[in-house]
Amino acid sequence: MTTSHLPSLLEDPRLTTMGLLMEAHAGLRAAADPDLEEHGLTNSAFDVLIRLSRSPEQRLRMTDLAGQSTLSNSGLTRVVDRLLSAGLVERVRHSEDKRVFHAVITPAGLQRVLDALPSHLALIDRTIISVLDEHERAVLERALRKIRAVVKPGADPDQVPAR
């Protein structure tokens, strides 16, 4: 069967868009994983630690961290438990609402992130910054934020969901 005989659904350009996005994501993960492993971090652990280190007071409510991370709730719990055992994060009860816990990065956790960042930023430079010009990067970031808003509502702490 030649391409001209393929059903029209198989020729849908949306499949190309999705495929390219998934391939780019997989390639970026494959490039980042060994780099992070050199610093004793998995991609998931780095995801949690970088979010905590860039948050106000270097802490997030566990529910907010779950909403922002790339992990399922159970996956996040497992990662935070491992980071807790390694002394890289702490779980701290909210001072006023004892039902609420915060994940807080420890000085050792922050140091681990800081140690990993030079090579991680070099990877970002090689795979994204050097490939796209400033305008393309801005367009990509806006597009990714729009997609994230649909597939992961509430992930952006600066965006209040519409009610």
N, C-alpha and C. Protein backbone atom coordinates (compact mmCIF):
# COMPACT_ATOMS: atom_id res chain seq x y z
N MET A 1 0.86 -1.18 0.00
CA MET A 1 0.00 0.00 0.00
C MET A 1 0.90 1.24 0.00
N THR A 2 0.66 2.14 -0.91
CA THR A 2 1.44 3.37 -0.98
C THR A 2 0.84 4.43 -0.06
N THR A 3 1.62 5.44 0.18
CA THR A 3 1.17 6.53 1.05
C THR A 3 -0.11 7.16 0.54
N SER A 4 -0.26 7.25 -0.77
CA SER A 4 -1.46 7.89 -1.31
C SER A 4 -2.73 7.09 -1.02
N HIS A 5 -2.58 5.83 -0.64
CA HIS A 5 -3.75 5.01 -0.33
C HIS A 5 -4.04 4.91 1.16
N LEU A 6 -3.23 5.54 1.97
CA LEU A 6 -3.46 5.48 3.41
C LEU A 6 -4.74 6.20 3.78
N PRO A 7 -5.44 5.67 4.75
CA PRO A 7 -6.65 6.37 5.21
C PRO A 7 -6.29 7.79 5.67
N SER A 8 -7.20 8.70 5.46
CA SER A 8 -6.92 10.11 5.76
C SER A 8 -6.55 10.34 7.22
N LEU A 9 -7.05 9.53 8.13
CA LEU A 9 -6.68 9.72 9.55
C LEU A 9 -5.19 9.53 9.78
N LEU A 10 -4.57 8.63 9.05
CA LEU A 10 -3.13 8.40 9.21
C LEU A 10 -2.30 9.53 8.64
N GLU A 11 -2.90 10.35 7.79
CA GLU A 11 -2.20 11.48 7.20
C GLU A 11 -2.42 12.77 7.98
N ASP A 12 -3.15 12.71 9.05
CA ASP A 12 -3.49 13.89 9.83
C ASP A 12 -2.23 14.53 10.40
N PRO A 13 -1.96 15.81 10.09
CA PRO A 13 -0.74 16.47 10.58
C PRO A 13 -0.69 16.60 12.10
N ARG A 14 -1.81 16.45 12.77
CA ARG A 14 -1.80 16.50 14.24
C ARG A 14 -0.95 15.36 14.81
N LEU A 15 -0.94 14.23 14.11
CA LEU A 15 -0.11 13.11 14.56
C LEU A 15 1.37 13.47 14.51
N THR A 16 1.76 14.23 13.51
CA THR A 16 3.15 14.68 13.40
C THR A 16 3.50 15.61 14.55
N THR A 17 2.62 16.55 14.86
CA THR A 17 2.86 17.49 15.96
C THR A 17 3.04 16.74 17.27
N MET A 18 2.12 15.83 17.56
CA MET A 18 2.20 15.07 18.81
C MET A 18 3.44 14.19 18.82
N GLY A 19 3.73 13.55 17.73
CA GLY A 19 4.91 12.69 17.65
C GLY A 19 6.19 13.46 17.88
N LEU A 20 6.31 14.63 17.26
CA LEU A 20 7.51 15.45 17.45
C LEU A 20 7.66 15.90 18.90
N LEU A 21 6.55 16.28 19.51
CA LEU A 21 6.61 16.71 20.91
C LEU A 21 7.05 15.55 21.81
N MET A 22 6.49 14.37 21.57
CA MET A 22 6.85 13.21 22.38
C MET A 22 8.31 12.80 22.14
N GLU A 23 8.76 12.84 20.90
CA GLU A 23 10.15 12.50 20.60
C GLU A 23 11.11 13.49 21.24
N ALA A 24 10.78 14.78 21.17
CA ALA A 24 11.64 15.80 21.78
C ALA A 24 11.71 15.59 23.29
N HIS A 25 10.58 15.31 23.91
CA HIS A 25 10.55 15.07 25.35
C HIS A 25 11.41 13.86 25.70
N ALA A 26 11.23 12.78 24.98
CA ALA A 26 12.00 11.56 25.26
C ALA A 26 13.50 11.81 25.06
N GLY A 27 13.85 12.54 24.03
CA GLY A 27 15.26 12.85 23.79
C GLY A 27 15.86 13.72 24.87
N LEU A 28 15.10 14.70 25.32
CA LEU A 28 15.59 15.57 26.40
C LEU A 28 15.77 14.78 27.69
N ARG A 29 14.82 13.90 27.99
CA ARG A 29 14.93 13.07 29.19
C ARG A 29 16.15 12.16 29.10
N ALA A 30 16.34 11.55 27.92
CA ALA A 30 17.48 10.65 27.73
C ALA A 30 18.81 11.39 27.89
N ALA A 31 18.85 12.64 27.47
CA ALA A 31 20.07 13.43 27.61
C ALA A 31 20.27 13.88 29.05
N ALA A 32 19.19 14.20 29.75
CA ALA A 32 19.29 14.73 31.11
C ALA A 32 19.56 13.64 32.15
N ASP A 33 19.01 12.46 31.95
CA ASP A 33 19.12 11.41 32.98
C ASP A 33 20.56 11.10 33.38
N PRO A 34 21.47 10.80 32.43
CA PRO A 34 22.84 10.47 32.86
C PRO A 34 23.54 11.65 33.54
N ASP A 35 23.24 12.86 33.08
CA ASP A 35 23.84 14.05 33.68
C ASP A 35 23.41 14.18 35.14
N LEU A 36 22.12 14.00 35.39
CA LEU A 36 21.63 14.12 36.77
C LEU A 36 22.13 12.97 37.64
N GLU A 37 22.23 11.77 37.05
CA GLU A 37 22.72 10.62 37.81
C GLU A 37 24.13 10.85 38.32
N GLU A 38 24.94 11.60 37.57
CA GLU A 38 26.30 11.93 38.03
C GLU A 38 26.27 12.73 39.33
N HIS A 39 25.15 13.36 39.61
CA HIS A 39 25.00 14.15 40.84
C HIS A 39 24.11 13.42 41.86
N GLY A 40 23.89 12.13 41.63
CA GLY A 40 23.11 11.33 42.56
C GLY A 40 21.63 11.65 42.55
N LEU A 41 21.12 12.10 41.40
CA LEU A 41 19.71 12.48 41.30
C LEU A 41 19.03 11.76 40.14
N THR A 42 17.80 11.39 40.36
CA THR A 42 16.96 10.95 39.26
C THR A 42 16.28 12.19 38.68
N ASN A 43 15.70 12.05 37.52
CA ASN A 43 14.97 13.16 36.92
C ASN A 43 13.83 13.58 37.84
N SER A 44 13.14 12.62 38.43
CA SER A 44 12.02 12.92 39.33
C SER A 44 12.48 13.66 40.58
N ALA A 45 13.59 13.22 41.15
CA ALA A 45 14.12 13.89 42.34
C ALA A 45 14.54 15.32 42.01
N PHE A 46 15.19 15.49 40.86
CA PHE A 46 15.60 16.84 40.45
C PHE A 46 14.37 17.72 40.24
N ASP A 47 13.32 17.16 39.63
CA ASP A 47 12.08 17.90 39.42
C ASP A 47 11.55 18.45 40.74
N VAL A 48 11.51 17.61 41.76
CA VAL A 48 11.01 18.03 43.07
C VAL A 48 11.95 19.07 43.69
N LEU A 49 13.24 18.80 43.67
CA LEU A 49 14.21 19.69 44.32
C LEU A 49 14.29 21.06 43.64
N ILE A 50 14.24 21.08 42.31
CA ILE A 50 14.34 22.38 41.62
C ILE A 50 13.09 23.21 41.88
N ARG A 51 11.93 22.55 41.95
CA ARG A 51 10.70 23.30 42.25
C ARG A 51 10.74 23.86 43.66
N LEU A 52 11.21 23.07 44.61
CA LEU A 52 11.32 23.57 45.99
C LEU A 52 12.34 24.69 46.08
N SER A 53 13.47 24.54 45.43
CA SER A 53 14.53 25.54 45.54
C SER A 53 14.14 26.86 44.91
N ARG A 54 13.22 26.83 43.95
CA ARG A 54 12.79 28.06 43.27
C ARG A 54 11.49 28.63 43.84
N SER A 55 10.95 28.01 44.87
CA SER A 55 9.69 28.47 45.48
C SER A 55 9.96 29.41 46.64
N PRO A 56 8.97 30.27 46.96
CA PRO A 56 9.13 31.16 48.11
C PRO A 56 9.46 30.36 49.37
N GLU A 57 10.45 30.81 50.09
CA GLU A 57 10.92 30.16 51.31
C GLU A 57 11.38 28.73 51.07
N GLN A 58 11.58 28.38 49.80
CA GLN A 58 12.05 27.07 49.39
C GLN A 58 11.19 25.95 49.96
N ARG A 59 9.89 26.17 49.88
CA ARG A 59 8.91 25.20 50.39
C ARG A 59 7.65 25.27 49.56
N LEU A 60 6.95 24.14 49.52
CA LEU A 60 5.63 24.07 48.88
C LEU A 60 4.76 23.13 49.69
N ARG A 61 3.47 23.46 49.73
CA ARG A 61 2.53 22.50 50.30
C ARG A 61 2.60 21.25 49.43
N MET A 62 2.46 20.10 50.05
CA MET A 62 2.54 18.85 49.29
C MET A 62 1.52 18.83 48.15
N THR A 63 0.33 19.39 48.39
CA THR A 63 -0.68 19.40 47.32
C THR A 63 -0.25 20.30 46.17
N ASP A 64 0.41 21.42 46.47
CA ASP A 64 0.90 22.30 45.40
C ASP A 64 2.04 21.65 44.64
N LEU A 65 2.93 20.98 45.37
CA LEU A 65 4.03 20.28 44.74
C LEU A 65 3.50 19.18 43.81
N ALA A 66 2.48 18.48 44.25
CA ALA A 66 1.87 17.44 43.41
C ALA A 66 1.28 18.05 42.14
N GLY A 67 0.65 19.21 42.27
CA GLY A 67 0.06 19.86 41.11
C GLY A 67 1.08 20.37 40.11
N GLN A 68 2.25 20.74 40.61
CA GLN A 68 3.28 21.30 39.74
C GLN A 68 4.25 20.27 39.19
N SER A 69 4.41 19.16 39.87
CA SER A 69 5.43 18.20 39.44
C SER A 69 4.93 17.37 38.26
N THR A 70 5.84 16.60 37.71
CA THR A 70 5.50 15.73 36.59
C THR A 70 5.11 14.34 37.09
N LEU A 71 4.88 14.20 38.39
CA LEU A 71 4.65 12.91 39.01
C LEU A 71 3.19 12.73 39.41
N SER A 72 2.76 11.49 39.50
CA SER A 72 1.45 11.18 40.09
C SER A 72 1.56 11.44 41.59
N ASN A 73 0.42 11.47 42.28
CA ASN A 73 0.46 11.69 43.73
C ASN A 73 1.26 10.61 44.43
N SER A 74 1.05 9.35 44.05
CA SER A 74 1.78 8.27 44.70
C SER A 74 3.26 8.32 44.33
N GLY A 75 3.56 8.67 43.08
CA GLY A 75 4.95 8.81 42.66
C GLY A 75 5.65 9.92 43.42
N LEU A 76 4.95 11.03 43.62
CA LEU A 76 5.52 12.15 44.37
C LEU A 76 5.81 11.72 45.80
N THR A 77 4.88 11.01 46.42
CA THR A 77 5.09 10.55 47.79
C THR A 77 6.33 9.68 47.89
N ARG A 78 6.51 8.76 46.93
CA ARG A 78 7.69 7.89 46.94
C ARG A 78 8.98 8.70 46.78
N VAL A 79 8.98 9.67 45.85
CA VAL A 79 10.18 10.49 45.63
C VAL A 79 10.48 11.32 46.87
N VAL A 80 9.47 11.96 47.43
CA VAL A 80 9.69 12.79 48.64
C VAL A 80 10.18 11.91 49.79
N ASP A 81 9.64 10.71 49.92
CA ASP A 81 10.11 9.80 50.98
C ASP A 81 11.60 9.48 50.80
N ARG A 82 12.03 9.21 49.56
CA ARG A 82 13.45 8.93 49.29
C ARG A 82 14.31 10.17 49.58
N LEU A 83 13.82 11.35 49.17
CA LEU A 83 14.56 12.58 49.43
C LEU A 83 14.64 12.87 50.93
N LEU A 84 13.58 12.54 51.64
CA LEU A 84 13.55 12.70 53.09
C LEU A 84 14.60 11.79 53.73
N SER A 85 14.63 10.53 53.30
CA SER A 85 15.61 9.57 53.83
C SER A 85 17.04 10.01 53.54
N ALA A 86 17.25 10.66 52.39
CA ALA A 86 18.58 11.13 52.01
C ALA A 86 18.94 12.45 52.66
N GLY A 87 18.01 13.06 53.40
CA GLY A 87 18.28 14.33 54.07
C GLY A 87 18.24 15.53 53.14
N LEU A 88 17.58 15.37 51.98
CA LEU A 88 17.54 16.47 51.00
C LEU A 88 16.27 17.31 51.13
N VAL A 89 15.23 16.78 51.74
CA VAL A 89 14.01 17.53 52.03
C VAL A 89 13.53 17.17 53.43
N GLU A 90 12.64 18.01 53.93
CA GLU A 90 11.94 17.76 55.19
C GLU A 90 10.45 17.93 54.93
N ARG A 91 9.66 17.25 55.73
CA ARG A 91 8.22 17.49 55.74
C ARG A 91 7.94 18.29 57.01
N VAL A 92 7.30 19.43 56.84
CA VAL A 92 7.03 20.31 57.97
C VAL A 92 5.54 20.58 58.02
N ARG A 93 4.96 20.41 59.20
CA ARG A 93 3.54 20.74 59.38
C ARG A 93 3.34 22.24 59.31
N HIS A 94 2.22 22.62 58.70
CA HIS A 94 1.85 24.03 58.66
C HIS A 94 1.62 24.50 60.09
N SER A 95 2.07 25.70 60.41
CA SER A 95 1.99 26.19 61.78
C SER A 95 0.55 26.39 62.26
N GLU A 96 -0.36 26.70 61.33
CA GLU A 96 -1.74 26.98 61.74
C GLU A 96 -2.70 25.83 61.42
N ASP A 97 -2.48 25.13 60.34
CA ASP A 97 -3.36 24.03 59.95
C ASP A 97 -2.56 22.74 60.00
N LYS A 98 -2.73 21.98 61.05
CA LYS A 98 -1.92 20.79 61.29
C LYS A 98 -2.19 19.68 60.27
N ARG A 99 -3.23 19.81 59.46
CA ARG A 99 -3.51 18.81 58.41
C ARG A 99 -2.62 19.03 57.19
N VAL A 100 -2.02 20.21 57.08
CA VAL A 100 -1.24 20.59 55.90
C VAL A 100 0.24 20.39 56.16
N PHE A 101 0.89 19.72 55.20
CA PHE A 101 2.34 19.53 55.27
C PHE A 101 3.00 20.28 54.13
N HIS A 102 4.19 20.79 54.41
CA HIS A 102 5.04 21.41 53.39
C HIS A 102 6.24 20.50 53.15
N ALA A 103 6.68 20.45 51.92
CA ALA A 103 7.99 19.87 51.61
C ALA A 103 8.94 21.05 51.59
N VAL A 104 10.05 20.93 52.30
CA VAL A 104 11.02 22.01 52.42
C VAL A 104 12.39 21.45 52.04
N ILE A 105 13.08 22.13 51.16
CA ILE A 105 14.41 21.68 50.78
C ILE A 105 15.38 21.99 51.91
N THR A 106 16.27 21.05 52.19
CA THR A 106 17.27 21.24 53.24
C THR A 106 18.51 21.90 52.62
N PRO A 107 19.42 22.39 53.46
CA PRO A 107 20.67 22.93 52.91
C PRO A 107 21.41 21.89 52.04
N ALA A 108 21.38 20.62 52.44
CA ALA A 108 22.03 19.58 51.64
C ALA A 108 21.32 19.40 50.30
N GLY A 109 20.00 19.49 50.31
CA GLY A 109 19.24 19.39 49.06
C GLY A 109 19.52 20.55 48.13
N LEU A 110 19.58 21.74 48.68
CA LEU A 110 19.89 22.92 47.88
C LEU A 110 21.30 22.80 47.29
N GLN A 111 22.25 22.31 48.09
CA GLN A 111 23.61 22.15 47.59
C GLN A 111 23.65 21.13 46.46
N ARG A 112 22.86 20.07 46.57
CA ARG A 112 22.82 19.05 45.51
C ARG A 112 22.32 19.68 44.21
N VAL A 113 21.28 20.52 44.31
CA VAL A 113 20.75 21.21 43.12
C VAL A 113 21.81 22.14 42.55
N LEU A 114 22.44 22.93 43.41
CA LEU A 114 23.46 23.87 42.94
C LEU A 114 24.63 23.16 42.28
N ASP A 115 24.99 21.99 42.79
CA ASP A 115 26.07 21.21 42.18
C ASP A 115 25.67 20.70 40.80
N ALA A 116 24.41 20.34 40.63
CA ALA A 116 23.93 19.78 39.36
C ALA A 116 23.66 20.85 38.31
N LEU A 117 23.38 22.07 38.73
CA LEU A 117 22.94 23.10 37.79
C LEU A 117 23.93 23.47 36.69
N PRO A 118 25.22 23.61 36.93
CA PRO A 118 26.09 23.98 35.81
C PRO A 118 26.01 23.01 34.62
N SER A 119 26.07 21.73 34.88
CA SER A 119 26.00 20.78 33.76
C SER A 119 24.58 20.71 33.20
N HIS A 120 23.58 20.87 34.05
CA HIS A 120 22.19 20.85 33.57
C HIS A 120 21.92 22.06 32.67
N LEU A 121 22.42 23.21 33.08
CA LEU A 121 22.25 24.41 32.25
C LEU A 121 23.02 24.28 30.94
N ALA A 122 24.19 23.64 30.98
CA ALA A 122 24.95 23.40 29.74
C ALA A 122 24.15 22.50 28.80
N LEU A 123 23.47 21.50 29.35
CA LEU A 123 22.61 20.63 28.55
C LEU A 123 21.48 21.44 27.92
N ILE A 124 20.86 22.32 28.69
CA ILE A 124 19.78 23.18 28.17
C ILE A 124 20.33 24.07 27.06
N ASP A 125 21.52 24.60 27.25
CA ASP A 125 22.15 25.43 26.21
C ASP A 125 22.35 24.64 24.92
N ARG A 126 22.88 23.41 25.05
CA ARG A 126 23.14 22.57 23.86
C ARG A 126 21.88 22.14 23.13
N THR A 127 20.84 21.83 23.88
CA THR A 127 19.66 21.20 23.27
C THR A 127 18.53 22.17 22.94
N ILE A 128 18.51 23.34 23.56
CA ILE A 128 17.41 24.27 23.34
C ILE A 128 17.91 25.66 22.96
N ILE A 129 18.72 26.26 23.82
CA ILE A 129 19.12 27.65 23.65
C ILE A 129 19.91 27.86 22.35
N SER A 130 20.84 26.95 22.05
CA SER A 130 21.65 27.12 20.84
C SER A 130 20.88 26.77 19.57
N VAL A 131 19.75 26.09 19.70
CA VAL A 131 18.98 25.64 18.54
C VAL A 131 17.92 26.67 18.14
N LEU A 132 17.36 27.36 19.14
CA LEU A 132 16.27 28.30 18.90
C LEU A 132 16.75 29.73 19.14
N ASP A 133 16.26 30.65 18.31
CA ASP A 133 16.58 32.05 18.59
C ASP A 133 15.64 32.56 19.68
N GLU A 134 15.87 33.77 20.14
CA GLU A 134 15.12 34.33 21.27
C GLU A 134 13.61 34.34 21.00
N HIS A 135 13.22 34.73 19.81
CA HIS A 135 11.80 34.76 19.46
C HIS A 135 11.20 33.35 19.49
N GLU A 136 11.90 32.39 18.92
CA GLU A 136 11.40 31.01 18.90
C GLU A 136 11.27 30.46 20.32
N ARG A 137 12.23 30.77 21.18
CA ARG A 137 12.15 30.31 22.57
C ARG A 137 10.95 30.91 23.27
N ALA A 138 10.67 32.19 23.04
CA ALA A 138 9.52 32.84 23.67
C ALA A 138 8.22 32.22 23.17
N VAL A 139 8.15 31.97 21.87
CA VAL A 139 6.95 31.34 21.30
C VAL A 139 6.77 29.93 21.86
N LEU A 140 7.87 29.17 21.93
CA LEU A 140 7.81 27.81 22.47
C LEU A 140 7.33 27.84 23.92
N GLU A 141 7.87 28.73 24.72
CA GLU A 141 7.47 28.81 26.12
C GLU A 141 5.98 29.14 26.26
N ARG A 142 5.50 30.11 25.47
CA ARG A 142 4.07 30.44 25.51
C ARG A 142 3.23 29.25 25.09
N ALA A 143 3.64 28.57 24.04
CA ALA A 143 2.89 27.41 23.56
C ALA A 143 2.87 26.31 24.61
N LEU A 144 4.01 26.03 25.23
CA LEU A 144 4.05 24.99 26.25
C LEU A 144 3.20 25.35 27.47
N ARG A 145 3.18 26.62 27.84
CA ARG A 145 2.32 27.04 28.95
C ARG A 145 0.84 26.83 28.61
N LYS A 146 0.46 27.12 27.37
CA LYS A 146 -0.92 26.90 26.96
C LYS A 146 -1.29 25.42 27.00
N ILE A 147 -0.39 24.59 26.52
CA ILE A 147 -0.65 23.14 26.52
C ILE A 147 -0.72 22.64 27.96
N ARG A 148 0.22 23.08 28.80
CA ARG A 148 0.20 22.65 30.20
C ARG A 148 -1.09 23.05 30.89
N ALA A 149 -1.60 24.23 30.58
CA ALA A 149 -2.85 24.70 31.21
C ALA A 149 -4.01 23.76 30.90
N VAL A 150 -3.96 23.11 29.75
CA VAL A 150 -5.03 22.18 29.36
C VAL A 150 -4.80 20.81 29.98
N VAL A 151 -3.58 20.30 29.90
CA VAL A 151 -3.32 18.93 30.34
C VAL A 151 -3.03 18.82 31.83
N LYS A 152 -2.67 19.92 32.46
CA LYS A 152 -2.37 19.91 33.89
C LYS A 152 -2.87 21.19 34.54
N PRO A 153 -4.19 21.35 34.60
CA PRO A 153 -4.75 22.58 35.19
C PRO A 153 -4.27 22.74 36.63
N GLY A 154 -3.98 23.97 36.98
CA GLY A 154 -3.53 24.27 38.33
C GLY A 154 -2.03 24.12 38.53
N ALA A 155 -1.30 23.73 37.51
CA ALA A 155 0.14 23.53 37.65
C ALA A 155 0.90 24.85 37.76
N ASP A 156 0.33 25.91 37.21
CA ASP A 156 1.00 27.21 37.25
C ASP A 156 0.54 27.97 38.47
N PRO A 157 1.43 28.17 39.45
CA PRO A 157 1.01 28.84 40.68
C PRO A 157 0.59 30.29 40.47
N ASP A 158 0.99 30.87 39.33
CA ASP A 158 0.62 32.26 39.04
C ASP A 158 -0.75 32.38 38.36
N GLN A 159 -1.29 31.26 37.93
CA GLN A 159 -2.57 31.27 37.23
C GLN A 159 -3.67 30.76 38.15
N VAL A 160 -4.69 31.53 38.35
CA VAL A 160 -5.84 31.10 39.12
C VAL A 160 -6.82 30.45 38.16
N PRO A 161 -7.21 29.19 38.41
CA PRO A 161 -8.13 28.53 37.49
C PRO A 161 -9.47 29.26 37.41
N ALA A 162 -10.08 29.29 36.22
CA ALA A 162 -11.39 29.89 36.04
C ALA A 162 -12.43 29.04 36.75
N ARG A 163 -13.37 29.68 37.36
CA ARG A 163 -14.42 28.95 38.09
C ARG A 163 -15.74 29.06 37.37
